[in-house]
Amino acid sequence: MTIAEPPIRALHQDRRVTGDGVHLVARSYRKGVRLDPHMHREAQLVYAASGTMQVTTPKGRWLVPPDRAVWVPALLPHAIDVLADIEMRTLYFDQAWLAREKRSDSLDHEFVVRVSPLVHQAILALFDASCGRERTALLIRLVMLELHQAEDSATFIPLPQEPRCRRAADIVLADPTKDHDIDALARTVGTSARTLSRLFSAETQLSFKSWCQRARIAAAIERLSSTANVSVKQVASDLGYASVPAFSHAFRQVTGKTPTAFAEKT
């Protein structure tokens, strides 16, 4: 596992140091780029001002459209896959800074962050070269005050750790459009359907059916976020739904939004 060097070690035009334990890094990545599993000595807020990425940790996999970010604690292994060209804006926080701000305990696990218009503008302002030290400090505090865990989990797929359950999950994720039969899947991974069903519930807090639906909707979110001018009808067809209304109903059950509303927002 690679431990990435702290951003302060080698500063370039895409990096800024606040002088107070927070480092800012701006990067552009093209669709298809993968940042292999690695970790940082600092905690980080990973945000793409535009485009869509996927962040994977031992806990699970998040699809991250522009209205979401991911909080990643220090020394947590994670990988990033770029699903659509992104403008990444990452904030790195020294452990000493978090301890001083008395936030280290509440930020000791990874979670999805809801990025409001206020937080979006505050993050962009931090990367303005004319932003002075006092203004930078205020903007960082504003971002941290607004660092709320997203209430919805539509873009999160929990990944089971039990070997048989994980193999089954990987099979589903390899082709989420398929109507996976739990009996056949159980035989493939060497267990019974009853055991596999119990494992999914225990390890993901979702039934097997609900988990598969989450995986399918996550695939839909990925298509809607990363494919230019794709129609809802095409996505519904590609994912094996019998009709657009059936797809819209399933999409709304998971996300609380229609596919059209989600596509317009991203």
Protein backbone atom coordinates (compact mmCIF):
# COMPACT_ATOMS: atom_id res chain seq x y z
CA MET A 1 0.00 0.00 0.00
CA THR A 2 1.38 3.37 -1.04
CA ILE A 3 1.46 6.17 1.51
CA ALA A 4 1.32 9.35 -0.54
CA GLU A 5 3.74 12.06 0.53
CA PRO A 6 2.14 15.00 2.33
CA PRO A 7 1.19 17.77 -0.11
CA ILE A 8 3.49 20.16 1.76
CA ARG A 9 6.58 18.14 0.77
CA ALA A 10 6.67 19.25 -2.86
CA LEU A 11 4.66 22.29 -3.82
CA HIS A 12 3.71 23.01 -7.42
CA GLN A 13 1.37 25.44 -9.12
CA ASP A 14 -1.57 23.16 -8.33
CA ARG A 15 -0.86 23.21 -4.57
CA ARG A 16 -1.29 25.73 -1.77
CA VAL A 17 -0.32 25.67 1.89
CA THR A 18 -2.40 27.71 4.31
CA GLY A 19 0.37 27.79 6.89
CA ASP A 20 -1.98 26.43 9.52
CA GLY A 21 -1.99 22.67 8.91
CA VAL A 22 -4.34 22.63 5.91
CA HIS A 23 -3.11 22.02 2.36
CA LEU A 24 -5.03 22.52 -0.87
CA VAL A 25 -4.49 20.57 -4.08
CA ALA A 26 -6.17 21.25 -7.45
CA ARG A 27 -5.91 18.59 -10.13
CA SER A 28 -7.63 17.76 -13.42
CA TYR A 29 -8.15 14.13 -14.39
CA ARG A 30 -9.51 12.66 -17.60
CA LYS A 31 -12.20 10.01 -17.77
CA GLY A 32 -10.73 6.54 -17.30
CA VAL A 33 -7.89 7.53 -14.96
CA ARG A 34 -7.50 5.31 -11.90
CA LEU A 35 -5.65 6.29 -8.74
CA ASP A 36 -4.73 2.89 -7.33
CA PRO A 37 -5.23 2.06 -3.63
CA HIS A 38 -3.15 4.38 -1.47
CA MET A 39 -3.36 6.33 1.77
CA HIS A 40 -2.31 9.73 3.11
CA ARG A 41 -0.84 10.78 6.42
CA GLU A 42 -3.43 13.55 6.50
CA ALA A 43 -7.21 13.37 6.48
CA GLN A 44 -8.78 14.74 3.32
CA LEU A 45 -11.97 16.08 1.84
CA VAL A 46 -12.12 14.77 -1.73
CA TYR A 47 -14.29 16.91 -4.00
CA ALA A 48 -14.77 17.22 -7.73
CA ALA A 49 -16.11 20.65 -8.68
CA SER A 50 -17.22 19.12 -11.96
CA GLY A 51 -17.40 15.60 -13.31
CA THR A 52 -17.98 12.31 -11.50
CA MET A 53 -15.64 9.94 -9.68
CA GLN A 54 -15.89 6.72 -7.74
CA VAL A 55 -14.15 6.37 -4.38
CA THR A 56 -13.58 2.89 -2.94
CA THR A 57 -12.58 2.14 0.65
CA PRO A 58 -12.67 -1.12 2.62
CA LYS A 59 -16.15 -0.13 3.79
CA GLY A 60 -17.67 0.25 0.34
CA ARG A 61 -17.89 2.15 -2.90
CA TRP A 62 -19.24 5.64 -3.48
CA LEU A 63 -20.25 7.31 -6.73
CA VAL A 64 -19.46 10.99 -6.21
CA PRO A 65 -21.29 13.49 -8.43
CA PRO A 66 -20.63 17.25 -8.03
CA ASP A 67 -23.13 17.68 -5.17
CA ARG A 68 -21.25 15.18 -3.01
CA ALA A 69 -17.74 14.83 -1.58
CA VAL A 70 -16.07 12.13 0.50
CA TRP A 71 -14.33 12.55 3.83
CA VAL A 72 -11.34 10.17 4.04
CA PRO A 73 -9.55 9.83 7.42
CA ALA A 74 -5.76 9.68 7.62
CA LEU A 75 -4.13 6.36 6.75
CA LEU A 76 -7.34 4.92 5.29
CA PRO A 77 -6.72 2.91 2.07
CA HIS A 78 -8.76 4.24 -0.83
CA ALA A 79 -8.82 4.22 -4.62
CA ILE A 80 -10.34 6.72 -7.03
CA ASP A 81 -11.74 5.97 -10.48
CA VAL A 82 -12.55 8.91 -12.76
CA LEU A 83 -15.87 8.24 -14.50
CA ALA A 84 -16.12 11.61 -16.25
CA ASP A 85 -13.51 14.36 -16.66
CA ILE A 86 -13.14 15.96 -13.25
CA GLU A 87 -11.76 19.11 -11.70
CA MET A 88 -10.66 17.79 -8.32
CA ARG A 89 -10.30 20.17 -5.39
CA THR A 90 -8.92 18.38 -2.33
CA LEU A 91 -8.40 19.75 1.18
CA TYR A 92 -5.81 17.92 3.35
CA PHE A 93 -5.90 18.30 7.13
CA ASP A 94 -2.98 17.54 9.45
CA GLN A 95 -3.92 15.43 12.45
CA ALA A 96 -2.61 18.19 14.73
CA TRP A 97 -5.01 20.67 13.10
CA LEU A 98 -7.99 18.36 13.62
CA ALA A 99 -7.00 17.75 17.24
CA ARG A 100 -6.62 21.49 17.82
CA GLU A 101 -10.06 22.08 16.34
CA LYS A 102 -11.46 19.20 18.44
CA ARG A 103 -12.75 17.43 15.33
CA SER A 104 -10.52 14.35 15.26
CA ASP A 105 -13.01 12.07 17.06
CA SER A 106 -16.04 12.98 14.94
CA LEU A 107 -14.10 12.55 11.69
CA ASP A 108 -12.46 9.20 12.34
CA HIS A 109 -14.43 7.28 9.67
CA GLU A 110 -15.18 7.79 6.00
CA PHE A 111 -18.53 9.20 4.89
CA VAL A 112 -20.24 11.02 2.06
CA VAL A 113 -20.56 14.78 2.44
CA ARG A 114 -23.48 16.77 1.12
CA VAL A 115 -22.01 19.74 -0.79
CA SER A 116 -24.40 22.68 -0.59
CA PRO A 117 -24.05 25.68 -2.92
CA LEU A 118 -22.44 27.51 0.03
CA VAL A 119 -19.77 24.81 0.52
CA HIS A 120 -19.19 24.59 -3.24
CA GLN A 121 -18.48 28.31 -3.48
CA ALA A 122 -16.34 28.28 -0.32
CA ILE A 123 -14.13 25.49 -1.70
CA LEU A 124 -13.72 27.26 -5.03
CA ALA A 125 -12.83 30.51 -3.22
CA LEU A 126 -10.08 28.70 -1.30
CA PHE A 127 -8.29 28.06 -4.59
CA ASP A 128 -8.37 31.71 -5.62
CA ALA A 129 -4.74 32.84 -5.71
CA SER A 130 -5.71 36.21 -4.25
CA CYS A 131 -7.26 34.61 -1.15
CA GLY A 132 -5.38 35.98 1.85
CA ARG A 133 -4.49 34.14 5.03
CA GLU A 134 -7.34 35.49 7.16
CA ARG A 135 -9.96 34.87 4.47
CA THR A 136 -8.56 31.38 3.86
CA ALA A 137 -8.83 30.52 7.56
CA LEU A 138 -12.44 31.72 7.66
CA LEU A 139 -13.36 29.76 4.53
CA ILE A 140 -11.82 26.57 5.92
CA ARG A 141 -13.76 26.97 9.14
CA LEU A 142 -16.94 27.55 7.12
CA VAL A 143 -16.38 24.36 5.13
CA MET A 144 -15.78 22.37 8.33
CA LEU A 145 -18.86 23.84 10.01
CA GLU A 146 -20.94 22.77 7.02
CA LEU A 147 -19.36 19.30 6.85
CA HIS A 148 -22.56 17.32 7.17
CA GLN A 149 -22.84 13.64 6.42
CA ALA A 150 -25.26 13.09 3.56
CA GLU A 151 -28.54 11.64 4.80
CA ASP A 152 -29.14 9.62 1.66
CA SER A 153 -27.09 6.57 0.74
CA ALA A 154 -28.10 6.27 -2.89
CA THR A 155 -24.57 6.58 -4.20
CA PHE A 156 -23.07 4.16 -1.65
CA ILE A 157 -22.71 0.41 -2.16
CA PRO A 158 -21.63 -1.33 1.08
CA LEU A 159 -19.13 -4.09 0.37
CA PRO A 160 -19.32 -7.27 2.46
CA GLN A 161 -16.10 -8.64 3.93
CA GLU A 162 -17.01 -12.33 4.41
CA PRO A 163 -15.24 -14.15 1.52
CA ARG A 164 -18.26 -15.96 0.04
CA CYS A 165 -20.48 -12.91 0.34
CA ARG A 166 -17.79 -10.69 -1.17
CA ARG A 167 -17.37 -13.06 -4.15
CA ALA A 168 -21.12 -12.93 -4.73
CA ALA A 169 -21.08 -9.13 -4.49
CA ASP A 170 -18.22 -8.91 -6.99
CA ILE A 171 -20.16 -11.10 -9.44
CA VAL A 172 -23.18 -8.81 -9.19
CA LEU A 173 -21.07 -5.65 -9.55
CA ALA A 174 -19.40 -7.08 -12.66
CA ASP A 175 -22.82 -7.10 -14.35
CA PRO A 176 -25.45 -5.22 -12.30
CA THR A 177 -27.86 -5.28 -15.26
CA LYS A 178 -28.37 -9.03 -14.93
CA ASP A 179 -31.22 -10.48 -12.90
CA HIS A 180 -29.06 -12.43 -10.45
CA ASP A 181 -30.68 -15.49 -8.90
CA ILE A 182 -29.56 -16.00 -5.31
CA ASP A 183 -29.77 -19.80 -5.55
CA ALA A 184 -27.46 -19.93 -8.57
CA LEU A 185 -25.16 -17.33 -7.05
CA ALA A 186 -24.97 -19.27 -3.80
CA ARG A 187 -23.97 -22.44 -5.64
CA THR A 188 -21.27 -20.50 -7.49
CA VAL A 189 -19.67 -19.25 -4.27
CA GLY A 190 -20.07 -22.52 -2.42
CA THR A 191 -22.86 -21.91 0.07
CA SER A 192 -26.63 -22.09 0.41
CA ALA A 193 -29.11 -19.42 -0.62
CA ARG A 194 -30.25 -19.13 3.00
CA THR A 195 -26.70 -18.56 4.24
CA LEU A 196 -25.91 -16.07 1.48
CA SER A 197 -29.10 -14.14 2.21
CA ARG A 198 -28.22 -14.03 5.92
CA LEU A 199 -24.67 -12.88 5.15
CA PHE A 200 -25.86 -10.02 2.92
CA SER A 201 -28.25 -8.79 5.61
CA ALA A 202 -25.62 -9.02 8.35
CA GLU A 203 -22.75 -7.46 6.39
CA THR A 204 -24.50 -4.74 4.38
CA GLN A 205 -27.69 -4.08 6.41
CA LEU A 206 -29.55 -4.68 3.15
CA SER A 207 -31.42 -7.70 1.85
CA PHE A 208 -29.86 -9.39 -1.19
CA LYS A 209 -32.65 -8.02 -3.39
CA SER A 210 -32.25 -4.49 -2.06
CA TRP A 211 -28.46 -4.66 -2.41
CA CYS A 212 -28.77 -5.75 -6.06
CA GLN A 213 -31.21 -2.90 -6.71
CA ARG A 214 -28.77 -0.47 -5.09
CA ALA A 215 -26.00 -1.78 -7.37
CA ARG A 216 -28.21 -1.40 -10.44
CA ILE A 217 -29.26 2.13 -9.52
CA ALA A 218 -25.62 3.02 -8.82
CA ALA A 219 -24.83 1.87 -12.36
CA ALA A 220 -27.63 4.14 -13.59
CA ILE A 221 -26.21 7.07 -11.61
CA GLU A 222 -22.81 6.41 -13.15
CA ARG A 223 -24.28 6.45 -16.68
CA LEU A 224 -26.33 9.59 -16.06
CA SER A 225 -23.36 11.38 -14.52
CA SER A 226 -20.63 10.36 -16.91
CA THR A 227 -22.21 9.90 -20.34
CA ALA A 228 -22.97 13.04 -22.33
CA ASN A 229 -26.50 13.42 -23.72
CA VAL A 230 -27.60 9.94 -22.67
CA SER A 231 -31.38 9.61 -22.43
CA VAL A 232 -33.25 8.16 -19.47
CA LYS A 233 -34.92 5.74 -21.90
CA GLN A 234 -31.53 4.46 -23.09
CA VAL A 235 -30.24 4.00 -19.54
CA ALA A 236 -33.41 2.13 -18.56
CA SER A 237 -33.01 -0.17 -21.54
CA ASP A 238 -29.29 -0.73 -20.95
CA LEU A 239 -29.93 -1.69 -17.33
CA GLY A 240 -32.60 -4.22 -18.20
CA TYR A 241 -35.74 -2.39 -17.07
CA ALA A 242 -38.91 -3.26 -18.93
CA SER A 243 -40.00 0.37 -19.20
CA VAL A 244 -39.05 3.92 -18.29
CA PRO A 245 -41.78 4.08 -15.59
CA ALA A 246 -40.40 0.89 -13.98
CA PHE A 247 -36.90 2.36 -14.02
CA SER A 248 -38.10 5.71 -12.65
CA HIS A 249 -39.97 3.97 -9.83
CA ALA A 250 -36.89 1.94 -8.80
CA PHE A 251 -34.65 5.00 -9.12
CA ARG A 252 -36.94 7.10 -6.94
CA GLN A 253 -37.14 4.33 -4.31
CA VAL A 254 -33.38 4.46 -3.83
CA THR A 255 -32.54 8.14 -4.45
CA GLY A 256 -35.76 10.00 -3.71
CA LYS A 257 -35.50 11.65 -7.14
CA THR A 258 -36.55 10.79 -10.67
CA PRO A 259 -33.75 9.96 -13.14
CA THR A 260 -34.54 13.14 -15.06
CA ALA A 261 -34.29 15.32 -11.94
CA PHE A 262 -31.01 13.67 -10.95
CA ALA A 263 -29.52 14.13 -14.44
CA GLU A 264 -30.48 17.82 -14.48
CA LYS A 265 -28.85 18.37 -11.06
CA THR A 266 -25.56 16.77 -12.10
